[in-house]
Amino acid sequence: MNCPQCNSNNIVKNGHTHYGKQRFRCQECRRQFGENPTRQPIDEATRSLIEKLLKERLALAAIARVTGVSERWLQMYVNQKYYLLPKQVEVTQKNRVG
């Protein structure tokens, strides 16, 4: 078995998940992972659909239902997008006629 992040085979057992599955830890990059993960990463097509639905200002619960992602994951995704936005707004002076 190899680490999914760094592909190292220097791994050790590291307890069990709350579902009872064996958990492992990579000695190289320190990542923890399970042997046969049941959850897969959200693909780019779903992420782009989520972006479009967010621009349409749909409720997060509706977006989660349509795309099949969990509401918790979606909230974390939206928060991450928010924190990546620039916080300073650029204001330009209007020309006054008068």
PDB file of N, CA and C in Angstrom:
ATOM      1  N   MET A   1       0.848  -1.171   0.000  1.00  0.00           N
ATOM      2  CA  MET A   1       0.000   0.000   0.000  1.00  0.00           C
ATOM      3  C   MET A   1       0.900   1.242   0.000  1.00  0.00           C
ATOM      4  N   ASN A   2       0.486   2.260  -0.731  1.00  0.00           N
ATOM      5  CA  ASN A   2       1.238   3.512  -0.835  1.00  0.00           C
ATOM      6  C   ASN A   2       0.387   4.679  -0.354  1.00  0.00           C
ATOM      7  N   CYS A   3       1.052   5.735   0.056  1.00  0.00           N
ATOM      8  CA  CYS A   3       0.380   6.951   0.485  1.00  0.00           C
ATOM      9  C   CYS A   3      -0.301   7.602  -0.726  1.00  0.00           C
ATOM     10  N   PRO A   4      -1.560   8.028  -0.600  1.00  0.00           N
ATOM     11  CA  PRO A   4      -2.234   8.671  -1.727  1.00  0.00           C
ATOM     12  C   PRO A   4      -1.680  10.048  -2.064  1.00  0.00           C
ATOM     13  N   GLN A   5      -0.963  10.669  -1.130  1.00  0.00           N
ATOM     14  CA  GLN A   5      -0.448  12.014  -1.379  1.00  0.00           C
ATOM     15  C   GLN A   5       0.955  12.004  -1.970  1.00  0.00           C
ATOM     16  N   CYS A   6       1.884  11.283  -1.315  1.00  0.00           N
ATOM     17  CA  CYS A   6       3.276  11.325  -1.769  1.00  0.00           C
ATOM     18  C   CYS A   6       3.734  10.009  -2.388  1.00  0.00           C
ATOM     19  N   ASN A   7       2.873   9.006  -2.407  1.00  0.00           N
ATOM     20  CA  ASN A   7       3.130   7.704  -3.020  1.00  0.00           C
ATOM     21  C   ASN A   7       4.243   6.924  -2.312  1.00  0.00           C
ATOM     22  N   SER A   8       4.556   7.276  -1.089  1.00  0.00           N
ATOM     23  CA  SER A   8       5.569   6.563  -0.319  1.00  0.00           C
ATOM     24  C   SER A   8       4.978   5.253   0.210  1.00  0.00           C
ATOM     25  N   ASN A   9       5.824   4.251   0.377  1.00  0.00           N
ATOM     26  CA  ASN A   9       5.337   3.001   0.963  1.00  0.00           C
ATOM     27  C   ASN A   9       5.767   2.879   2.427  1.00  0.00           C
ATOM     28  N   ASN A  10       6.256   3.950   3.000  1.00  0.00           N
ATOM     29  CA  ASN A  10       6.684   3.992   4.392  1.00  0.00           C
ATOM     30  C   ASN A  10       5.503   4.415   5.260  1.00  0.00           C
ATOM     31  N   ILE A  11       4.558   3.470   5.489  1.00  0.00           N
ATOM     32  CA  ILE A  11       3.343   3.779   6.239  1.00  0.00           C
ATOM     33  C   ILE A  11       3.228   2.859   7.446  1.00  0.00           C
ATOM     34  N   VAL A  12       2.501   3.324   8.461  1.00  0.00           N
ATOM     35  CA  VAL A  12       2.259   2.538   9.669  1.00  0.00           C
ATOM     36  C   VAL A  12       0.775   2.583  10.005  1.00  0.00           C
ATOM     37  N   LYS A  13       0.317   1.564  10.743  1.00  0.00           N
ATOM     38  CA  LYS A  13      -1.069   1.560  11.211  1.00  0.00           C
ATOM     39  C   LYS A  13      -1.235   2.681  12.226  1.00  0.00           C
ATOM     40  N   ASN A  14      -2.432   3.299  12.206  1.00  0.00           N
ATOM     41  CA  ASN A  14      -2.664   4.440  13.081  1.00  0.00           C
ATOM     42  C   ASN A  14      -4.088   4.426  13.626  1.00  0.00           C
ATOM     43  N   GLY A  15      -4.473   3.328  14.242  1.00  0.00           N
ATOM     44  CA  GLY A  15      -5.795   3.243  14.848  1.00  0.00           C
ATOM     45  C   GLY A  15      -6.878   2.877  13.857  1.00  0.00           C
ATOM     46  N   HIS A  16      -8.109   3.177  14.255  1.00  0.00           N
ATOM     47  CA  HIS A  16      -9.277   2.873  13.429  1.00  0.00           C
ATOM     48  C   HIS A  16     -10.162   4.103  13.306  1.00  0.00           C
ATOM     49  N   THR A  17     -10.933   4.161  12.225  1.00  0.00           N
ATOM     50  CA  THR A  17     -11.905   5.242  12.061  1.00  0.00           C
ATOM     51  C   THR A  17     -13.107   4.957  12.952  1.00  0.00           C
ATOM     52  N   HIS A  18     -14.022   5.911  13.060  1.00  0.00           N
ATOM     53  CA  HIS A  18     -15.219   5.694  13.872  1.00  0.00           C
ATOM     54  C   HIS A  18     -16.159   4.672  13.240  1.00  0.00           C
ATOM     55  N   TYR A  19     -15.879   4.292  11.987  1.00  0.00           N
ATOM     56  CA  TYR A  19     -16.644   3.225  11.334  1.00  0.00           C
ATOM     57  C   TYR A  19     -15.976   1.867  11.510  1.00  0.00           C
ATOM     58  N   GLY A  20     -14.823   1.841  12.180  1.00  0.00           N
ATOM     59  CA  GLY A  20     -14.132   0.587  12.435  1.00  0.00           C
ATOM     60  C   GLY A  20     -13.102   0.202  11.384  1.00  0.00           C
ATOM     61  N   LYS A  21     -12.888   1.030  10.375  1.00  0.00           N
ATOM     62  CA  LYS A  21     -11.910   0.721   9.336  1.00  0.00           C
ATOM     63  C   LYS A  21     -10.503   1.094   9.813  1.00  0.00           C
ATOM     64  N   GLN A  22      -9.517   0.346   9.335  1.00  0.00           N
ATOM     65  CA  GLN A  22      -8.125   0.603   9.703  1.00  0.00           C
ATOM     66  C   GLN A  22      -7.669   1.939   9.131  1.00  0.00           C
ATOM     67  N   ARG A  23      -6.967   2.713   9.953  1.00  0.00           N
ATOM     68  CA  ARG A  23      -6.412   3.987   9.521  1.00  0.00           C
ATOM     69  C   ARG A  23      -4.892   3.856   9.489  1.00  0.00           C
ATOM     70  N   PHE A  24      -4.273   4.515   8.502  1.00  0.00           N
ATOM     71  CA  PHE A  24      -2.830   4.472   8.337  1.00  0.00           C
ATOM     72  C   PHE A  24      -2.264   5.883   8.345  1.00  0.00           C
ATOM     73  N   ARG A  25      -0.951   5.995   8.609  1.00  0.00           N
ATOM     74  CA  ARG A  25      -0.279   7.290   8.569  1.00  0.00           C
ATOM     75  C   ARG A  25       1.023   7.134   7.806  1.00  0.00           C
ATOM     76  N   CYS A  26       1.275   8.074   6.901  1.00  0.00           N
ATOM     77  CA  CYS A  26       2.507   8.079   6.117  1.00  0.00           C
ATOM     78  C   CYS A  26       3.625   8.663   6.981  1.00  0.00           C
ATOM     79  N   GLN A  27       4.764   7.997   7.029  1.00  0.00           N
ATOM     80  CA  GLN A  27       5.896   8.473   7.805  1.00  0.00           C
ATOM     81  C   GLN A  27       6.636   9.604   7.088  1.00  0.00           C
ATOM     82  N   GLU A  28       6.427   9.736   5.786  1.00  0.00           N
ATOM     83  CA  GLU A  28       7.107  10.773   5.004  1.00  0.00           C
ATOM     84  C   GLU A  28       6.377  12.117   5.106  1.00  0.00           C
ATOM     85  N   CYS A  29       5.096  12.144   4.709  1.00  0.00           N
ATOM     86  CA  CYS A  29       4.354  13.413   4.659  1.00  0.00           C
ATOM     87  C   CYS A  29       3.374  13.571   5.827  1.00  0.00           C
ATOM     88  N   ARG A  30       3.244  12.552   6.683  1.00  0.00           N
ATOM     89  CA  ARG A  30       2.397  12.562   7.877  1.00  0.00           C
ATOM     90  C   ARG A  30       0.895  12.538   7.578  1.00  0.00           C
ATOM     91  N   ARG A  31       0.506  12.244   6.348  1.00  0.00           N
ATOM     92  CA  ARG A  31      -0.912  12.204   6.003  1.00  0.00           C
ATOM     93  C   ARG A  31      -1.554  10.957   6.579  1.00  0.00           C
ATOM     94  N   GLN A  32      -2.791  11.121   7.074  1.00  0.00           N
ATOM     95  CA  GLN A  32      -3.566   9.981   7.548  1.00  0.00           C
ATOM     96  C   GLN A  32      -4.569   9.602   6.475  1.00  0.00           C
ATOM     97  N   PHE A  33      -4.813   8.296   6.318  1.00  0.00           N
ATOM     98  CA  PHE A  33      -5.750   7.845   5.297  1.00  0.00           C
ATOM     99  C   PHE A  33      -6.240   6.448   5.637  1.00  0.00           C
ATOM    100  N   GLY A  34      -7.347   6.062   5.008  1.00  0.00           N
ATOM    101  CA  GLY A  34      -7.901   4.728   5.167  1.00  0.00           C
ATOM    102  C   GLY A  34      -7.521   3.858   3.987  1.00  0.00           C
ATOM    103  N   GLU A  35      -7.676   2.551   4.158  1.00  0.00           N
ATOM    104  CA  GLU A  35      -7.250   1.615   3.118  1.00  0.00           C
ATOM    105  C   GLU A  35      -8.120   1.687   1.870  1.00  0.00           C
ATOM    106  N   ASN A  36      -9.407   1.556   2.027  1.00  0.00           N
ATOM    107  CA  ASN A  36     -10.322   1.606   0.885  1.00  0.00           C
ATOM    108  C   ASN A  36     -11.318   2.736   1.103  1.00  0.00           C
ATOM    109  N   PRO A  37     -10.977   3.966   0.718  1.00  0.00           N
ATOM    110  CA  PRO A  37     -11.883   5.090   1.009  1.00  0.00           C
ATOM    111  C   PRO A  37     -13.192   4.958   0.230  1.00  0.00           C
ATOM    112  N   THR A  38     -14.296   5.265   0.911  1.00  0.00           N
ATOM    113  CA  THR A  38     -15.600   5.202   0.258  1.00  0.00           C
ATOM    114  C   THR A  38     -15.991   6.553  -0.317  1.00  0.00           C
ATOM    115  N   ARG A  39     -15.421   7.605   0.207  1.00  0.00           N
ATOM    116  CA  ARG A  39     -15.731   8.950  -0.293  1.00  0.00           C
ATOM    117  C   ARG A  39     -14.659   9.369  -1.291  1.00  0.00           C
ATOM    118  N   GLN A  40     -15.090   9.889  -2.398  1.00  0.00           N
ATOM    119  CA  GLN A  40     -14.178  10.315  -3.442  1.00  0.00           C
ATOM    120  C   GLN A  40     -14.170  11.839  -3.521  1.00  0.00           C
ATOM    121  N   PRO A  41     -13.075  12.434  -3.996  1.00  0.00           N
ATOM    122  CA  PRO A  41     -13.041  13.898  -4.137  1.00  0.00           C
ATOM    123  C   PRO A  41     -14.104  14.384  -5.123  1.00  0.00           C
ATOM    124  N   ILE A  42     -14.546  15.610  -4.927  1.00  0.00           N
ATOM    125  CA  ILE A  42     -15.538  16.219  -5.808  1.00  0.00           C
ATOM    126  C   ILE A  42     -14.841  16.597  -7.120  1.00  0.00           C
ATOM    127  N   ASP A  43     -15.368  16.126  -8.247  1.00  0.00           N
ATOM    128  CA  ASP A  43     -14.709  16.363  -9.535  1.00  0.00           C
ATOM    129  C   ASP A  43     -14.921  17.796 -10.024  1.00  0.00           C
ATOM    130  N   GLU A  44     -14.134  18.173 -11.005  1.00  0.00           N
ATOM    131  CA  GLU A  44     -14.149  19.560 -11.509  1.00  0.00           C
ATOM    132  C   GLU A  44     -15.472  19.928 -12.164  1.00  0.00           C
ATOM    133  N   ALA A  45     -16.139  18.973 -12.820  1.00  0.00           N
ATOM    134  CA  ALA A  45     -17.431  19.266 -13.448  1.00  0.00           C
ATOM    135  C   ALA A  45     -18.464  19.661 -12.387  1.00  0.00           C
ATOM    136  N   THR A  46     -18.462  18.947 -11.266  1.00  0.00           N
ATOM    137  CA  THR A  46     -19.394  19.269 -10.180  1.00  0.00           C
ATOM    138  C   THR A  46     -19.037  20.612  -9.553  1.00  0.00           C
ATOM    139  N   ARG A  47     -17.743  20.886  -9.395  1.00  0.00           N
ATOM    140  CA  ARG A  47     -17.328  22.169  -8.826  1.00  0.00           C
ATOM    141  C   ARG A  47     -17.740  23.333  -9.723  1.00  0.00           C
ATOM    142  N   SER A  48     -17.620  23.170 -11.045  1.00  0.00           N
ATOM    143  CA  SER A  48     -18.026  24.255 -11.947  1.00  0.00           C
ATOM    144  C   SER A  48     -19.538  24.438 -11.917  1.00  0.00           C
ATOM    145  N   LEU A  49     -20.297  23.339 -11.789  1.00  0.00           N
ATOM    146  CA  LEU A  49     -21.751  23.452 -11.656  1.00  0.00           C
ATOM    147  C   LEU A  49     -22.107  24.187 -10.367  1.00  0.00           C
ATOM    148  N   ILE A  50     -21.397  23.879  -9.285  1.00  0.00           N
ATOM    149  CA  ILE A  50     -21.630  24.565  -8.014  1.00  0.00           C
ATOM    150  C   ILE A  50     -21.360  26.057  -8.157  1.00  0.00           C
ATOM    151  N   GLU A  51     -20.275  26.411  -8.864  1.00  0.00           N
ATOM    152  CA  GLU A  51     -19.960  27.826  -9.097  1.00  0.00           C
ATOM    153  C   GLU A  51     -21.109  28.528  -9.822  1.00  0.00           C
ATOM    154  N   LYS A  52     -21.655  27.885 -10.851  1.00  0.00           N
ATOM    155  CA  LYS A  52     -22.765  28.474 -11.609  1.00  0.00           C
ATOM    156  C   LYS A  52     -24.004  28.628 -10.738  1.00  0.00           C
ATOM    157  N   LEU A  53     -24.297  27.611  -9.932  1.00  0.00           N
ATOM    158  CA  LEU A  53     -25.486  27.675  -9.078  1.00  0.00           C
ATOM    159  C   LEU A  53     -25.319  28.715  -7.975  1.00  0.00           C
ATOM    160  N   LEU A  54     -24.099  28.907  -7.489  1.00  0.00           N
ATOM    161  CA  LEU A  54     -23.862  29.956  -6.500  1.00  0.00           C
ATOM    162  C   LEU A  54     -24.090  31.338  -7.108  1.00  0.00           C
ATOM    163  N   LYS A  55     -23.699  31.515  -8.374  1.00  0.00           N
ATOM    164  CA  LYS A  55     -23.919  32.802  -9.046  1.00  0.00           C
ATOM    165  C   LYS A  55     -25.404  33.074  -9.261  1.00  0.00           C
ATOM    166  N   GLU A  56     -26.203  31.999  -9.342  1.00  0.00           N
ATOM    167  CA  GLU A  56     -27.654  32.153  -9.472  1.00  0.00           C
ATOM    168  C   GLU A  56     -28.321  32.407  -8.129  1.00  0.00           C
ATOM    169  N   ARG A  57     -27.524  32.423  -7.060  1.00  0.00           N
ATOM    170  CA  ARG A  57     -27.970  32.727  -5.709  1.00  0.00           C
ATOM    171  C   ARG A  57     -28.989  31.729  -5.184  1.00  0.00           C
ATOM    172  N   LEU A  58     -28.780  30.453  -5.506  1.00  0.00           N
ATOM    173  CA  LEU A  58     -29.626  29.402  -4.950  1.00  0.00           C
ATOM    174  C   LEU A  58     -29.209  29.121  -3.510  1.00  0.00           C
ATOM    175  N   ALA A  59     -30.112  28.580  -2.747  1.00  0.00           N
ATOM    176  CA  ALA A  59     -29.806  28.210  -1.366  1.00  0.00           C
ATOM    177  C   ALA A  59     -28.797  27.071  -1.353  1.00  0.00           C
ATOM    178  N   LEU A  60     -27.957  27.048  -0.316  1.00  0.00           N
ATOM    179  CA  LEU A  60     -26.948  25.994  -0.228  1.00  0.00           C
ATOM    180  C   LEU A  60     -27.589  24.614  -0.133  1.00  0.00           C
ATOM    181  N   ALA A  61     -28.722  24.503   0.539  1.00  0.00           N
ATOM    182  CA  ALA A  61     -29.406  23.209   0.638  1.00  0.00           C
ATOM    183  C   ALA A  61     -29.856  22.736  -0.745  1.00  0.00           C
ATOM    184  N   ALA A  62     -30.327  23.661  -1.574  1.00  0.00           N
ATOM    185  CA  ALA A  62     -30.761  23.304  -2.925  1.00  0.00           C
ATOM    186  C   ALA A  62     -29.566  22.870  -3.779  1.00  0.00           C
ATOM    187  N   ILE A  63     -28.458  23.580  -3.659  1.00  0.00           N
ATOM    188  CA  ILE A  63     -27.259  23.227  -4.425  1.00  0.00           C
ATOM    189  C   ILE A  63     -26.759  21.854  -3.988  1.00  0.00           C
ATOM    190  N   ALA A  64     -26.789  21.576  -2.696  1.00  0.00           N
ATOM    191  CA  ALA A  64     -26.347  20.270  -2.195  1.00  0.00           C
ATOM    192  C   ALA A  64     -27.236  19.156  -2.735  1.00  0.00           C
ATOM    193  N   ARG A  65     -28.542  19.386  -2.780  1.00  0.00           N
ATOM    194  CA  ARG A  65     -29.452  18.370  -3.316  1.00  0.00           C
ATOM    195  C   ARG A  65     -29.200  18.121  -4.787  1.00  0.00           C
ATOM    196  N   VAL A  66     -29.029  19.191  -5.565  1.00  0.00           N
ATOM    197  CA  VAL A  66     -28.868  19.062  -7.017  1.00  0.00           C
ATOM    198  C   VAL A  66     -27.553  18.373  -7.378  1.00  0.00           C
ATOM    199  N   THR A  67     -26.480  18.735  -6.682  1.00  0.00           N
ATOM    200  CA  THR A  67     -25.153  18.223  -7.050  1.00  0.00           C
ATOM    201  C   THR A  67     -24.779  16.939  -6.327  1.00  0.00           C
ATOM    202  N   GLY A  68     -25.480  16.602  -5.243  1.00  0.00           N
ATOM    203  CA  GLY A  68     -25.183  15.372  -4.516  1.00  0.00           C
ATOM    204  C   GLY A  68     -24.030  15.492  -3.529  1.00  0.00           C
ATOM    205  N   VAL A  69     -23.614  16.716  -3.195  1.00  0.00           N
ATOM    206  CA  VAL A  69     -22.566  16.905  -2.194  1.00  0.00           C
ATOM    207  C   VAL A  69     -23.228  17.163  -0.846  1.00  0.00           C
ATOM    208  N   SER A  70     -22.478  17.001   0.225  1.00  0.00           N
ATOM    209  CA  SER A  70     -23.050  17.256   1.546  1.00  0.00           C
ATOM    210  C   SER A  70     -23.108  18.757   1.796  1.00  0.00           C
ATOM    211  N   GLU A  71     -24.068  19.166   2.609  1.00  0.00           N
ATOM    212  CA  GLU A  71     -24.194  20.585   2.947  1.00  0.00           C
ATOM    213  C   GLU A  71     -22.968  21.061   3.721  1.00  0.00           C
ATOM    214  N   ARG A  72     -22.411  20.191   4.545  1.00  0.00           N
ATOM    215  CA  ARG A  72     -21.217  20.560   5.318  1.00  0.00           C
ATOM    216  C   ARG A  72     -20.042  20.842   4.392  1.00  0.00           C
ATOM    217  N   TRP A  73     -19.817  19.944   3.390  1.00  0.00           N
ATOM    218  CA  TRP A  73     -18.728  20.157   2.444  1.00  0.00           C
ATOM    219  C   TRP A  73     -18.962  21.442   1.654  1.00  0.00           C
ATOM    220  N   LEU A  74     -20.199  21.662   1.234  1.00  0.00           N
ATOM    221  CA  LEU A  74     -20.526  22.844   0.441  1.00  0.00           C
ATOM    222  C   LEU A  74     -20.279  24.123   1.237  1.00  0.00           C
ATOM    223  N   GLN A  75     -20.644  24.128   2.516  1.00  0.00           N
ATOM    224  CA  GLN A  75     -20.406  25.311   3.348  1.00  0.00           C
ATOM    225  C   GLN A  75     -18.910  25.577   3.485  1.00  0.00           C
ATOM    226  N   MET A  76     -18.109  24.529   3.678  1.00  0.00           N
ATOM    227  CA  MET A  76     -16.660  24.707   3.777  1.00  0.00           C
ATOM    228  C   MET A  76     -16.087  25.217   2.452  1.00  0.00           C
ATOM    229  N   TYR A  77     -16.619  24.733   1.334  1.00  0.00           N
ATOM    230  CA  TYR A  77     -16.170  25.161   0.008  1.00  0.00           C
ATOM    231  C   TYR A  77     -16.473  26.642  -0.208  1.00  0.00           C
ATOM    232  N   VAL A  78     -17.681  27.073   0.174  1.00  0.00           N
ATOM    233  CA  VAL A  78     -18.078  28.476   0.016  1.00  0.00           C
ATOM    234  C   VAL A  78     -17.220  29.361   0.920  1.00  0.00           C
ATOM    235  N   ASN A  79     -16.984  28.919   2.148  1.00  0.00           N
ATOM    236  CA  ASN A  79     -16.140  29.698   3.061  1.00  0.00           C
ATOM    237  C   ASN A  79     -14.732  29.849   2.505  1.00  0.00           C
ATOM    238  N   GLN A  80     -14.194  28.780   1.936  1.00  0.00           N
ATOM    239  CA  GLN A  80     -12.851  28.829   1.353  1.00  0.00           C
ATOM    240  C   GLN A  80     -12.820  29.825   0.191  1.00  0.00           C
ATOM    241  N   LYS A  81     -13.831  29.804  -0.663  1.00  0.00           N
ATOM    242  CA  LYS A  81     -13.907  30.747  -1.777  1.00  0.00           C
ATOM    243  C   LYS A  81     -13.988  32.183  -1.263  1.00  0.00           C
ATOM    244  N   TYR A  82     -14.748  32.403  -0.194  1.00  0.00           N
ATOM    245  CA  TYR A  82     -14.899  33.743   0.370  1.00  0.00           C
ATOM    246  C   TYR A  82     -13.567  34.273   0.886  1.00  0.00           C
ATOM    247  N   TYR A  83     -12.820  33.435   1.596  1.00  0.00           N
ATOM    248  CA  TYR A  83     -11.555  33.889   2.170  1.00  0.00           C
ATOM    249  C   TYR A  83     -10.491  34.128   1.125  1.00  0.00           C
ATOM    250  N   LEU A  84     -10.660  33.573  -0.072  1.00  0.00           N
ATOM    251  CA  LEU A  84      -9.708  33.804  -1.155  1.00  0.00           C
ATOM    252  C   LEU A  84      -9.995  35.089  -1.927  1.00  0.00           C
ATOM    253  N   LEU A  85     -11.173  35.678  -1.705  1.00  0.00           N
ATOM    254  CA  LEU A  85     -11.518  36.923  -2.397  1.00  0.00           C
ATOM    255  C   LEU A  85     -10.690  38.082  -1.853  1.00  0.00           C
ATOM    256  N   PRO A  86     -10.355  39.051  -2.709  1.00  0.00           N
ATOM    257  CA  PRO A  86      -9.645  40.231  -2.194  1.00  0.00           C
ATOM    258  C   PRO A  86     -10.569  41.018  -1.265  1.00  0.00           C
ATOM    259  N   LYS A  87     -10.032  41.505  -0.177  1.00  0.00           N
ATOM    260  CA  LYS A  87     -10.835  42.203   0.829  1.00  0.00           C
ATOM    261  C   LYS A  87     -10.872  43.715   0.630  1.00  0.00           C
ATOM    262  N   GLN A  88     -10.063  44.222  -0.281  1.00  0.00           N
ATOM    263  CA  GLN A  88     -10.025  45.659  -0.500  1.00  0.00           C
ATOM    264  C   GLN A  88     -10.791  45.983  -1.779  1.00  0.00           C
ATOM    265  N   VAL A  89     -11.682  46.954  -1.673  1.00  0.00           N
ATOM    266  CA  VAL A  89     -12.488  47.365  -2.808  1.00  0.00           C
ATOM    267  C   VAL A  89     -11.850  48.598  -3.432  1.00  0.00           C
ATOM    268  N   GLU A  90     -11.759  48.598  -4.749  1.00  0.00           N
ATOM    269  CA  GLU A  90     -11.180  49.744  -5.452  1.00  0.00           C
ATOM    270  C   GLU A  90     -12.287  50.722  -5.816  1.00  0.00           C
ATOM    271  N   VAL A  91     -12.148  51.968  -5.359  1.00  0.00           N
ATOM    272  CA  VAL A  91     -13.159  52.999  -5.603  1.00  0.00           C
ATOM    273  C   VAL A  91     -12.531  54.051  -6.518  1.00  0.00           C
ATOM    274  N   THR A  92     -13.283  54.427  -7.557  1.00  0.00           N
ATOM    275  CA  THR A  92     -12.785  55.470  -8.473  1.00  0.00           C
ATOM    276  C   THR A  92     -13.638  56.715  -8.284  1.00  0.00           C
ATOM    277  N   GLN A  93     -13.028  57.870  -8.435  1.00  0.00           N
ATOM    278  CA  GLN A  93     -13.710  59.151  -8.273  1.00  0.00           C
ATOM    279  C   GLN A  93     -14.543  59.460  -9.504  1.00  0.00           C
ATOM    280  N   LYS A  94     -15.802  59.882  -9.283  1.00  0.00           N
ATOM    281  CA  LYS A  94     -16.673  60.275 -10.387  1.00  0.00           C
ATOM    282  C   LYS A  94     -16.387  61.716 -10.759  1.00  0.00           C
ATOM    283  N   ASN A  95     -16.476  61.994 -12.045  1.00  0.00           N
ATOM    284  CA  ASN A  95     -16.338  63.376 -12.496  1.00  0.00           C
ATOM    285  C   ASN A  95     -17.656  64.099 -12.237  1.00  0.00           C
ATOM    286  N   ARG A  96     -17.571  65.251 -11.571  1.00  0.00           N
ATOM    287  CA  ARG A  96     -18.778  66.021 -11.267  1.00  0.00           C
ATOM    288  C   ARG A  96     -18.927  67.131 -12.305  1.00  0.00           C
ATOM    289  N   VAL A  97     -20.097  67.194 -12.838  1.00  0.00           N
ATOM    290  CA  VAL A  97     -20.413  68.238 -13.802  1.00  0.00           C
ATOM    291  C   VAL A  97     -21.200  69.296 -13.055  1.00  0.00           C
ATOM    292  N   GLY A  98     -20.775  70.523 -13.176  1.00  0.00           N
ATOM    293  CA  GLY A  98     -21.563  71.500 -12.445  1.00  0.00           C
ATOM    294  C   GLY A  98     -21.006  72.824 -12.381  1.00  0.00           C
TER     295      GLY A  98
END
